[in-house]
Amino acid sequence: IKELSGGNQQKVLLARWLCTNPKILIVDEPTRGIDI
């Protein structure tokens, strides 16, 4: 995962929780350090 861009790393982290089928998702600074 360290070889991915910041935006793609963030998508992997989102997927980590989405695959648990959550009801509530907390995202803290979800776009920090990634391009526009």
PDB file of all heavy atoms in Angstrom:
ATOM      1  N   ILE A   1       0.823  -1.209   0.000  1.00  0.00           N
ATOM      2  CA  ILE A   1       0.000   0.000   0.000  1.00  0.00           C
ATOM      3  C   ILE A   1       0.856   1.258   0.000  1.00  0.00           C
ATOM      4  O   ILE A   1       0.427   2.296  -0.500  1.00  0.00           O
ATOM      5  CB  ILE A   1      -0.981  -0.015   1.201  1.00  0.00           C
ATOM      6  CG1 ILE A   1      -2.054   1.068   1.021  1.00  0.00           C
ATOM      7  CG2 ILE A   1      -0.221   0.173   2.512  1.00  0.00           C
ATOM      8  CD1 ILE A   1      -3.180   1.007   2.045  1.00  0.00           C
ATOM      9  N   LYS A   2       2.073   1.180   0.499  1.00  0.00           N
ATOM     10  CA  LYS A   2       2.935   2.363   0.554  1.00  0.00           C
ATOM     11  C   LYS A   2       3.304   2.869  -0.843  1.00  0.00           C
ATOM     12  O   LYS A   2       3.738   4.009  -0.996  1.00  0.00           O
ATOM     13  CB  LYS A   2       4.203   2.070   1.350  1.00  0.00           C
ATOM     14  CG  LYS A   2       5.123   1.033   0.720  1.00  0.00           C
ATOM     15  CD  LYS A   2       6.309   0.744   1.613  1.00  0.00           C
ATOM     16  CE  LYS A   2       7.225  -0.335   1.011  1.00  0.00           C
ATOM     17  NZ  LYS A   2       8.343  -0.658   1.918  1.00  0.00           N
ATOM     18  N   GLU A   3       3.107   2.013  -1.873  1.00  0.00           N
ATOM     19  CA  GLU A   3       3.438   2.417  -3.237  1.00  0.00           C
ATOM     20  C   GLU A   3       2.307   3.188  -3.908  1.00  0.00           C
ATOM     21  O   GLU A   3       2.486   3.725  -5.001  1.00  0.00           O
ATOM     22  CB  GLU A   3       3.795   1.185  -4.068  1.00  0.00           C
ATOM     23  CG  GLU A   3       5.050   0.459  -3.586  1.00  0.00           C
ATOM     24  CD  GLU A   3       5.371  -0.766  -4.423  1.00  0.00           C
ATOM     25  OE1 GLU A   3       4.624  -1.037  -5.388  1.00  0.00           O
ATOM     26  OE2 GLU A   3       6.368  -1.442  -4.122  1.00  0.00           O
ATOM     27  N   LEU A   4       1.138   3.253  -3.281  1.00  0.00           N
ATOM     28  CA  LEU A   4      -0.003   3.950  -3.861  1.00  0.00           C
ATOM     29  C   LEU A   4       0.061   5.450  -3.569  1.00  0.00           C
ATOM     30  O   LEU A   4       0.717   5.887  -2.630  1.00  0.00           O
ATOM     31  CB  LEU A   4      -1.317   3.392  -3.297  1.00  0.00           C
ATOM     32  CG  LEU A   4      -1.629   1.913  -3.521  1.00  0.00           C
ATOM     33  CD1 LEU A   4      -3.037   1.603  -3.026  1.00  0.00           C
ATOM     34  CD2 LEU A   4      -1.478   1.521  -4.974  1.00  0.00           C
ATOM     35  N   SER A   5      -0.660   6.214  -4.387  1.00  0.00           N
ATOM     36  CA  SER A   5      -0.797   7.647  -4.123  1.00  0.00           C
ATOM     37  C   SER A   5      -1.625   7.853  -2.863  1.00  0.00           C
ATOM     38  O   SER A   5      -2.322   6.935  -2.395  1.00  0.00           O
ATOM     39  CB  SER A   5      -1.491   8.332  -5.298  1.00  0.00           C
ATOM     40  OG  SER A   5      -2.845   7.886  -5.392  1.00  0.00           O
ATOM     41  N   GLY A   6      -1.580   9.079  -2.312  1.00  0.00           N
ATOM     42  CA  GLY A   6      -2.339   9.368  -1.102  1.00  0.00           C
ATOM     43  C   GLY A   6      -3.830   9.146  -1.283  1.00  0.00           C
ATOM     44  O   GLY A   6      -4.517   8.616  -0.402  1.00  0.00           O
ATOM     45  N   GLY A   7      -4.371   9.557  -2.456  1.00  0.00           N
ATOM     46  CA  GLY A   7      -5.788   9.383  -2.705  1.00  0.00           C
ATOM     47  C   GLY A   7      -6.198   7.926  -2.748  1.00  0.00           C
ATOM     48  O   GLY A   7      -7.256   7.539  -2.225  1.00  0.00           O
ATOM     49  N   ASN A   8      -5.367   7.081  -3.359  1.00  0.00           N
ATOM     50  CA  ASN A   8      -5.688   5.655  -3.431  1.00  0.00           C
ATOM     51  C   ASN A   8      -5.498   4.956  -2.086  1.00  0.00           C
ATOM     52  O   ASN A   8      -6.244   4.031  -1.753  1.00  0.00           O
ATOM     53  CB  ASN A   8      -4.846   4.981  -4.525  1.00  0.00           C
ATOM     54  CG  ASN A   8      -5.363   5.290  -5.912  1.00  0.00           C
ATOM     55  OD1 ASN A   8      -6.474   4.926  -6.272  1.00  0.00           O
ATOM     56  ND2 ASN A   8      -4.564   5.997  -6.690  1.00  0.00           N
ATOM     57  N   GLN A   9      -4.533   5.406  -1.292  1.00  0.00           N
ATOM     58  CA  GLN A   9      -4.414   4.883   0.074  1.00  0.00           C
ATOM     59  C   GLN A   9      -5.679   5.192   0.871  1.00  0.00           C
ATOM     60  O   GLN A   9      -6.182   4.338   1.604  1.00  0.00           O
ATOM     61  CB  GLN A   9      -3.200   5.501   0.769  1.00  0.00           C
ATOM     62  CG  GLN A   9      -1.860   5.007   0.277  1.00  0.00           C
ATOM     63  CD  GLN A   9      -0.709   5.670   0.996  1.00  0.00           C
ATOM     64  OE1 GLN A   9      -0.894   6.491   1.893  1.00  0.00           O
ATOM     65  NE2 GLN A   9       0.512   5.330   0.600  1.00  0.00           N
ATOM     66  N   GLN A  10      -6.213   6.415   0.700  1.00  0.00           N
ATOM     67  CA  GLN A  10      -7.417   6.801   1.428  1.00  0.00           C
ATOM     68  C   GLN A  10      -8.611   5.951   0.992  1.00  0.00           C
ATOM     69  O   GLN A  10      -9.454   5.579   1.813  1.00  0.00           O
ATOM     70  CB  GLN A  10      -7.703   8.281   1.199  1.00  0.00           C
ATOM     71  CG  GLN A  10      -8.675   8.895   2.187  1.00  0.00           C
ATOM     72  CD  GLN A  10      -8.079   9.089   3.568  1.00  0.00           C
ATOM     73  OE1 GLN A  10      -7.049   8.534   3.908  1.00  0.00           O
ATOM     74  NE2 GLN A  10      -8.739   9.871   4.391  1.00  0.00           N
ATOM     75  N   LYS A  11      -8.678   5.608  -0.283  1.00  0.00           N
ATOM     76  CA  LYS A  11      -9.756   4.745  -0.768  1.00  0.00           C
ATOM     77  C   LYS A  11      -9.662   3.350  -0.158  1.00  0.00           C
ATOM     78  O   LYS A  11     -10.687   2.734   0.163  1.00  0.00           O
ATOM     79  CB  LYS A  11      -9.716   4.654  -2.294  1.00  0.00           C
ATOM     80  CG  LYS A  11     -10.145   5.914  -3.015  1.00  0.00           C
ATOM     81  CD  LYS A  11     -10.106   5.692  -4.516  1.00  0.00           C
ATOM     82  CE  LYS A  11     -10.515   6.930  -5.275  1.00  0.00           C
ATOM     83  NZ  LYS A  11     -10.473   6.709  -6.749  1.00  0.00           N
ATOM     84  N   VAL A  12      -8.446   2.843   0.020  1.00  0.00           N
ATOM     85  CA  VAL A  12      -8.270   1.538   0.658  1.00  0.00           C
ATOM     86  C   VAL A  12      -8.788   1.578   2.097  1.00  0.00           C
ATOM     87  O   VAL A  12      -9.447   0.648   2.564  1.00  0.00           O
ATOM     88  CB  VAL A  12      -6.794   1.090   0.619  1.00  0.00           C
ATOM     89  CG1 VAL A  12      -6.591  -0.185   1.457  1.00  0.00           C
ATOM     90  CG2 VAL A  12      -6.342   0.852  -0.813  1.00  0.00           C
ATOM     91  N   LEU A  13      -8.494   2.682   2.796  1.00  0.00           N
ATOM     92  CA  LEU A  13      -8.980   2.813   4.180  1.00  0.00           C
ATOM     93  C   LEU A  13     -10.494   2.927   4.239  1.00  0.00           C
ATOM     94  O   LEU A  13     -11.127   2.379   5.149  1.00  0.00           O
ATOM     95  CB  LEU A  13      -8.325   4.026   4.851  1.00  0.00           C
ATOM     96  CG  LEU A  13      -6.803   3.932   5.044  1.00  0.00           C
ATOM     97  CD1 LEU A  13      -6.281   5.186   5.725  1.00  0.00           C
ATOM     98  CD2 LEU A  13      -6.428   2.707   5.860  1.00  0.00           C
ATOM     99  N   LEU A  14     -11.089   3.620   3.279  1.00  0.00           N
ATOM    100  CA  LEU A  14     -12.547   3.657   3.205  1.00  0.00           C
ATOM    101  C   LEU A  14     -13.101   2.257   2.957  1.00  0.00           C
ATOM    102  O   LEU A  14     -14.075   1.833   3.593  1.00  0.00           O
ATOM    103  CB  LEU A  14     -12.997   4.606   2.090  1.00  0.00           C
ATOM    104  CG  LEU A  14     -12.866   6.103   2.365  1.00  0.00           C
ATOM    105  CD1 LEU A  14     -13.093   6.906   1.090  1.00  0.00           C
ATOM    106  CD2 LEU A  14     -13.846   6.551   3.432  1.00  0.00           C
ATOM    107  N   ALA A  15     -12.465   1.532   2.055  1.00  0.00           N
ATOM    108  CA  ALA A  15     -12.905   0.169   1.747  1.00  0.00           C
ATOM    109  C   ALA A  15     -12.781  -0.746   2.959  1.00  0.00           C
ATOM    110  O   ALA A  15     -13.594  -1.663   3.139  1.00  0.00           O
ATOM    111  CB  ALA A  15     -12.093  -0.391   0.577  1.00  0.00           C
ATOM    112  N   ARG A  16     -11.751  -0.492   3.803  1.00  0.00           N
ATOM    113  CA  ARG A  16     -11.562  -1.314   5.008  1.00  0.00           C
ATOM    114  C   ARG A  16     -12.837  -1.337   5.849  1.00  0.00           C
ATOM    115  O   ARG A  16     -13.208  -2.384   6.397  1.00  0.00           O
ATOM    116  CB  ARG A  16     -10.392  -0.768   5.835  1.00  0.00           C
ATOM    117  CG  ARG A  16     -10.195  -1.469   7.167  1.00  0.00           C
ATOM    118  CD  ARG A  16      -9.113  -0.796   7.998  1.00  0.00           C
ATOM    119  NE  ARG A  16      -7.810  -0.930   7.376  1.00  0.00           N
ATOM    120  CZ  ARG A  16      -6.708  -0.312   7.811  1.00  0.00           C
ATOM    121  NH1 ARG A  16      -6.793   0.512   8.871  1.00  0.00           N
ATOM    122  NH2 ARG A  16      -5.555  -0.480   7.211  1.00  0.00           N
ATOM    123  N   TRP A  17     -13.497  -0.180   5.947  1.00  0.00           N
ATOM    124  CA  TRP A  17     -14.710  -0.115   6.762  1.00  0.00           C
ATOM    125  C   TRP A  17     -15.965  -0.436   5.970  1.00  0.00           C
ATOM    126  O   TRP A  17     -16.897  -1.041   6.494  1.00  0.00           O
ATOM    127  CB  TRP A  17     -14.814   1.263   7.424  1.00  0.00           C
ATOM    128  CG  TRP A  17     -13.712   1.464   8.405  1.00  0.00           C
ATOM    129  CD1 TRP A  17     -12.623   2.273   8.283  1.00  0.00           C
ATOM    130  CD2 TRP A  17     -13.548   0.766   9.646  1.00  0.00           C
ATOM    131  NE1 TRP A  17     -11.805   2.142   9.369  1.00  0.00           N
ATOM    132  CE2 TRP A  17     -12.345   1.229  10.235  1.00  0.00           C
ATOM    133  CE3 TRP A  17     -14.301  -0.186  10.331  1.00  0.00           C
ATOM    134  CZ2 TRP A  17     -11.874   0.774  11.458  1.00  0.00           C
ATOM    135  CZ3 TRP A  17     -13.845  -0.646  11.550  1.00  0.00           C
ATOM    136  CH2 TRP A  17     -12.643  -0.175  12.099  1.00  0.00           C
ATOM    137  N   LEU A  18     -15.978  -0.073   4.701  1.00  0.00           N
ATOM    138  CA  LEU A  18     -17.161  -0.370   3.893  1.00  0.00           C
ATOM    139  C   LEU A  18     -17.401  -1.871   3.759  1.00  0.00           C
ATOM    140  O   LEU A  18     -18.548  -2.321   3.707  1.00  0.00           O
ATOM    141  CB  LEU A  18     -17.020   0.267   2.504  1.00  0.00           C
ATOM    142  CG  LEU A  18     -17.023   1.789   2.465  1.00  0.00           C
ATOM    143  CD1 LEU A  18     -16.821   2.289   1.046  1.00  0.00           C
ATOM    144  CD2 LEU A  18     -18.301   2.349   3.063  1.00  0.00           C
ATOM    145  N   CYS A  19     -16.322  -2.648   3.741  1.00  0.00           N
ATOM    146  CA  CYS A  19     -16.502  -4.098   3.605  1.00  0.00           C
ATOM    147  C   CYS A  19     -17.067  -4.731   4.876  1.00  0.00           C
ATOM    148  O   CYS A  19     -17.491  -5.883   4.865  1.00  0.00           O
ATOM    149  CB  CYS A  19     -15.206  -4.784   3.177  1.00  0.00           C
ATOM    150  SG  CYS A  19     -13.881  -4.789   4.392  1.00  0.00           S
ATOM    151  N   THR A  20     -17.102  -3.975   5.985  1.00  0.00           N
ATOM    152  CA  THR A  20     -17.751  -4.478   7.205  1.00  0.00           C
ATOM    153  C   THR A  20     -19.238  -4.143   7.222  1.00  0.00           C
ATOM    154  O   THR A  20     -19.933  -4.472   8.190  1.00  0.00           O
ATOM    155  CB  THR A  20     -17.087  -3.883   8.466  1.00  0.00           C
ATOM    156  OG1 THR A  20     -17.354  -2.475   8.529  1.00  0.00           O
ATOM    157  CG2 THR A  20     -15.581  -4.137   8.468  1.00  0.00           C
ATOM    158  N   ASN A  21     -19.717  -3.458   6.163  1.00  0.00           N
ATOM    159  CA  ASN A  21     -21.122  -3.053   6.038  1.00  0.00           C
ATOM    160  C   ASN A  21     -21.564  -2.210   7.226  1.00  0.00           C
ATOM    161  O   ASN A  21     -22.512  -2.543   7.944  1.00  0.00           O
ATOM    162  CB  ASN A  21     -22.028  -4.289   5.904  1.00  0.00           C
ATOM    163  CG  ASN A  21     -23.427  -3.925   5.442  1.00  0.00           C
ATOM    164  OD1 ASN A  21     -23.620  -2.924   4.755  1.00  0.00           O
ATOM    165  ND2 ASN A  21     -24.406  -4.731   5.835  1.00  0.00           N
ATOM    166  N   PRO A  22     -20.909  -1.054   7.443  1.00  0.00           N
ATOM    167  CA  PRO A  22     -21.222  -0.230   8.617  1.00  0.00           C
ATOM    168  C   PRO A  22     -22.531   0.527   8.450  1.00  0.00           C
ATOM    169  O   PRO A  22     -23.018   0.736   7.336  1.00  0.00           O
ATOM    170  CB  PRO A  22     -20.035   0.735   8.672  1.00  0.00           C
ATOM    171  CG  PRO A  22     -19.670   0.918   7.232  1.00  0.00           C
ATOM    172  CD  PRO A  22     -19.887  -0.424   6.590  1.00  0.00           C
ATOM    173  N   LYS A  23     -23.068   0.970   9.578  1.00  0.00           N
ATOM    174  CA  LYS A  23     -24.217   1.865   9.560  1.00  0.00           C
ATOM    175  C   LYS A  23     -23.765   3.318   9.673  1.00  0.00           C
ATOM    176  O   LYS A  23     -24.411   4.225   9.151  1.00  0.00           O
ATOM    177  CB  LYS A  23     -25.156   1.537  10.725  1.00  0.00           C
ATOM    178  CG  LYS A  23     -25.768   0.139  10.664  1.00  0.00           C
ATOM    179  CD  LYS A  23     -26.618  -0.110  11.899  1.00  0.00           C
ATOM    180  CE  LYS A  23     -27.212  -1.513  11.878  1.00  0.00           C
ATOM    181  NZ  LYS A  23     -28.003  -1.792  13.117  1.00  0.00           N
ATOM    182  N   ILE A  24     -22.661   3.504  10.389  1.00  0.00           N
ATOM    183  CA  ILE A  24     -22.124   4.849  10.624  1.00  0.00           C
ATOM    184  C   ILE A  24     -20.639   4.835  10.276  1.00  0.00           C
ATOM    185  O   ILE A  24     -19.888   3.983  10.753  1.00  0.00           O
ATOM    186  CB  ILE A  24     -22.292   5.268  12.097  1.00  0.00           C
ATOM    187  CG1 ILE A  24     -23.772   5.253  12.502  1.00  0.00           C
ATOM    188  CG2 ILE A  24     -21.678   6.642  12.346  1.00  0.00           C
ATOM    189  CD1 ILE A  24     -23.982   5.275  14.007  1.00  0.00           C
ATOM    190  N   LEU A  25     -20.210   5.783   9.434  1.00  0.00           N
ATOM    191  CA  LEU A  25     -18.809   5.891   9.062  1.00  0.00           C
ATOM    192  C   LEU A  25     -18.301   7.277   9.451  1.00  0.00           C
ATOM    193  O   LEU A  25     -18.847   8.293   9.022  1.00  0.00           O
ATOM    194  CB  LEU A  25     -18.621   5.681   7.564  1.00  0.00           C
ATOM    195  CG  LEU A  25     -17.179   5.750   7.051  1.00  0.00           C
ATOM    196  CD1 LEU A  25     -16.328   4.643   7.680  1.00  0.00           C
ATOM    197  CD2 LEU A  25     -17.130   5.665   5.529  1.00  0.00           C
ATOM    198  N   ILE A  26     -17.267   7.307  10.300  1.00  0.00           N
ATOM    199  CA  ILE A  26     -16.628   8.564  10.705  1.00  0.00           C
ATOM    200  C   ILE A  26     -15.376   8.738   9.855  1.00  0.00           C
ATOM    201  O   ILE A  26     -14.513   7.852   9.821  1.00  0.00           O
ATOM    202  CB  ILE A  26     -16.243   8.542  12.194  1.00  0.00           C
ATOM    203  CG1 ILE A  26     -17.452   8.185  13.063  1.00  0.00           C
ATOM    204  CG2 ILE A  26     -15.662   9.884  12.618  1.00  0.00           C
ATOM    205  CD1 ILE A  26     -17.101   7.873  14.503  1.00  0.00           C
ATOM    206  N   VAL A  27     -15.277   9.866   9.174  1.00  0.00           N
ATOM    207  CA  VAL A  27     -14.089  10.146   8.362  1.00  0.00           C
ATOM    208  C   VAL A  27     -13.471  11.448   8.876  1.00  0.00           C
ATOM    209  O   VAL A  27     -14.089  12.496   8.840  1.00  0.00           O
ATOM    210  CB  VAL A  27     -14.417  10.239   6.855  1.00  0.00           C
ATOM    211  CG1 VAL A  27     -14.690   8.864   6.290  1.00  0.00           C
ATOM    212  CG2 VAL A  27     -15.604  11.152   6.581  1.00  0.00           C
ATOM    213  N   ASP A  28     -12.254  11.354   9.383  1.00  0.00           N
ATOM    214  CA  ASP A  28     -11.553  12.486   9.979  1.00  0.00           C
ATOM    215  C   ASP A  28     -10.515  12.994   8.990  1.00  0.00           C
ATOM    216  O   ASP A  28      -9.549  12.306   8.680  1.00  0.00           O
ATOM    217  CB  ASP A  28     -10.895  12.049  11.290  1.00  0.00           C
ATOM    218  CG  ASP A  28     -10.424  13.222  12.136  1.00  0.00           C
ATOM    219  OD1 ASP A  28     -10.478  14.362  11.649  1.00  0.00           O
ATOM    220  OD2 ASP A  28      -9.997  12.990  13.284  1.00  0.00           O
ATOM    221  N   GLU A  29     -10.716  14.203   8.479  1.00  0.00           N
ATOM    222  CA  GLU A  29      -9.859  14.810   7.447  1.00  0.00           C
ATOM    223  C   GLU A  29      -9.666  13.836   6.273  1.00  0.00           C
ATOM    224  O   GLU A  29      -8.553  13.414   5.956  1.00  0.00           O
ATOM    225  CB  GLU A  29      -8.495  15.206   8.036  1.00  0.00           C
ATOM    226  CG  GLU A  29      -8.564  16.211   9.163  1.00  0.00           C
ATOM    227  CD  GLU A  29      -8.920  17.611   8.700  1.00  0.00           C
ATOM    228  OE1 GLU A  29      -9.190  17.803   7.502  1.00  0.00           O
ATOM    229  OE2 GLU A  29      -8.954  18.523   9.550  1.00  0.00           O
ATOM    230  N   PRO A  30     -10.755  13.466   5.584  1.00  0.00           N
ATOM    231  CA  PRO A  30     -10.680  12.413   4.564  1.00  0.00           C
ATOM    232  C   PRO A  30      -9.851  12.769   3.340  1.00  0.00           C
ATOM    233  O   PRO A  30      -9.452  11.872   2.594  1.00  0.00           O
ATOM    234  CB  PRO A  30     -12.149  12.197   4.177  1.00  0.00           C
ATOM    235  CG  PRO A  30     -12.812  13.493   4.491  1.00  0.00           C
ATOM    236  CD  PRO A  30     -12.118  14.008   5.718  1.00  0.00           C
ATOM    237  N   THR A  31      -9.579  14.061   3.116  1.00  0.00           N
ATOM    238  CA  THR A  31      -8.836  14.435   1.909  1.00  0.00           C
ATOM    239  C   THR A  31      -7.483  15.063   2.220  1.00  0.00           C
ATOM    240  O   THR A  31      -6.858  15.647   1.332  1.00  0.00           O
ATOM    241  CB  THR A  31      -9.657  15.423   1.055  1.00  0.00           C
ATOM    242  OG1 THR A  31      -9.783  16.655   1.753  1.00  0.00           O
ATOM    243  CG2 THR A  31     -11.035  14.865   0.735  1.00  0.00           C
ATOM    244  N   ARG A  32      -7.025  14.943   3.444  1.00  0.00           N
ATOM    245  CA  ARG A  32      -5.743  15.569   3.804  1.00  0.00           C
ATOM    246  C   ARG A  32      -4.599  14.913   3.036  1.00  0.00           C
ATOM    247  O   ARG A  32      -4.481  13.697   2.965  1.00  0.00           O
ATOM    248  CB  ARG A  32      -5.492  15.449   5.299  1.00  0.00           C
ATOM    249  CG  ARG A  32      -4.092  15.925   5.718  1.00  0.00           C
ATOM    250  CD  ARG A  32      -3.965  16.076   7.213  1.00  0.00           C
ATOM    251  NE  ARG A  32      -4.767  17.215   7.685  1.00  0.00           N
ATOM    252  CZ  ARG A  32      -5.031  17.459   8.957  1.00  0.00           C
ATOM    253  NH1 ARG A  32      -4.585  16.643   9.886  1.00  0.00           N
ATOM    254  NH2 ARG A  32      -5.738  18.504   9.304  1.00  0.00           N
ATOM    255  N   GLY A  33      -3.748  15.736   2.441  1.00  0.00           N
ATOM    256  CA  GLY A  33      -2.544  15.248   1.794  1.00  0.00           C
ATOM    257  C   GLY A  33      -2.763  14.626   0.431  1.00  0.00           C
ATOM    258  O   GLY A  33      -1.873  13.927  -0.067  1.00  0.00           O
ATOM    259  N   ILE A  34      -3.920  14.877  -0.208  1.00  0.00           N
ATOM    260  CA  ILE A  34      -4.131  14.339  -1.545  1.00  0.00           C
ATOM    261  C   ILE A  34      -4.471  15.484  -2.492  1.00  0.00           C
ATOM    262  O   ILE A  34      -4.897  16.559  -2.075  1.00  0.00           O
ATOM    263  CB  ILE A  34      -5.234  13.258  -1.570  1.00  0.00           C
ATOM    264  CG1 ILE A  34      -6.572  13.802  -1.079  1.00  0.00           C
ATOM    265  CG2 ILE A  34      -4.819  12.074  -0.725  1.00  0.00           C
ATOM    266  CD1 ILE A  34      -7.682  12.784  -1.076  1.00  0.00           C
ATOM    267  N   ASP A  35      -4.281  15.253  -3.811  1.00  0.00           N
ATOM    268  CA  ASP A  35      -4.441  16.343  -4.773  1.00  0.00           C
ATOM    269  C   ASP A  35      -5.905  16.689  -4.979  1.00  0.00           C
ATOM    270  O   ASP A  35      -6.813  15.963  -4.574  1.00  0.00           O
ATOM    271  CB  ASP A  35      -3.764  16.006  -6.104  1.00  0.00           C
ATOM    272  CG  ASP A  35      -4.390  14.788  -6.777  1.00  0.00           C
ATOM    273  OD1 ASP A  35      -5.600  14.819  -7.076  1.00  0.00           O
ATOM    274  OD2 ASP A  35      -3.675  13.801  -7.010  1.00  0.00           O
ATOM    275  N   ILE A  36      -6.144  17.814  -5.656  1.00  0.00           N
ATOM    276  CA  ILE A  36      -7.488  18.362  -5.775  1.00  0.00           C
ATOM    277  C   ILE A  36      -8.428  17.420  -6.525  1.00  0.00           C
ATOM    278  O   ILE A  36      -9.613  17.301  -6.198  1.00  0.00           O
ATOM    279  CB  ILE A  36      -7.444  19.756  -6.449  1.00  0.00           C
ATOM    280  CG1 ILE A  36      -8.776  20.477  -6.322  1.00  0.00           C
ATOM    281  CG2 ILE A  36      -7.013  19.647  -7.891  1.00  0.00           C
ATOM    282  CD1 ILE A  36      -9.097  20.931  -4.941  1.00  0.00           C
TER     283      ILE A  36
END
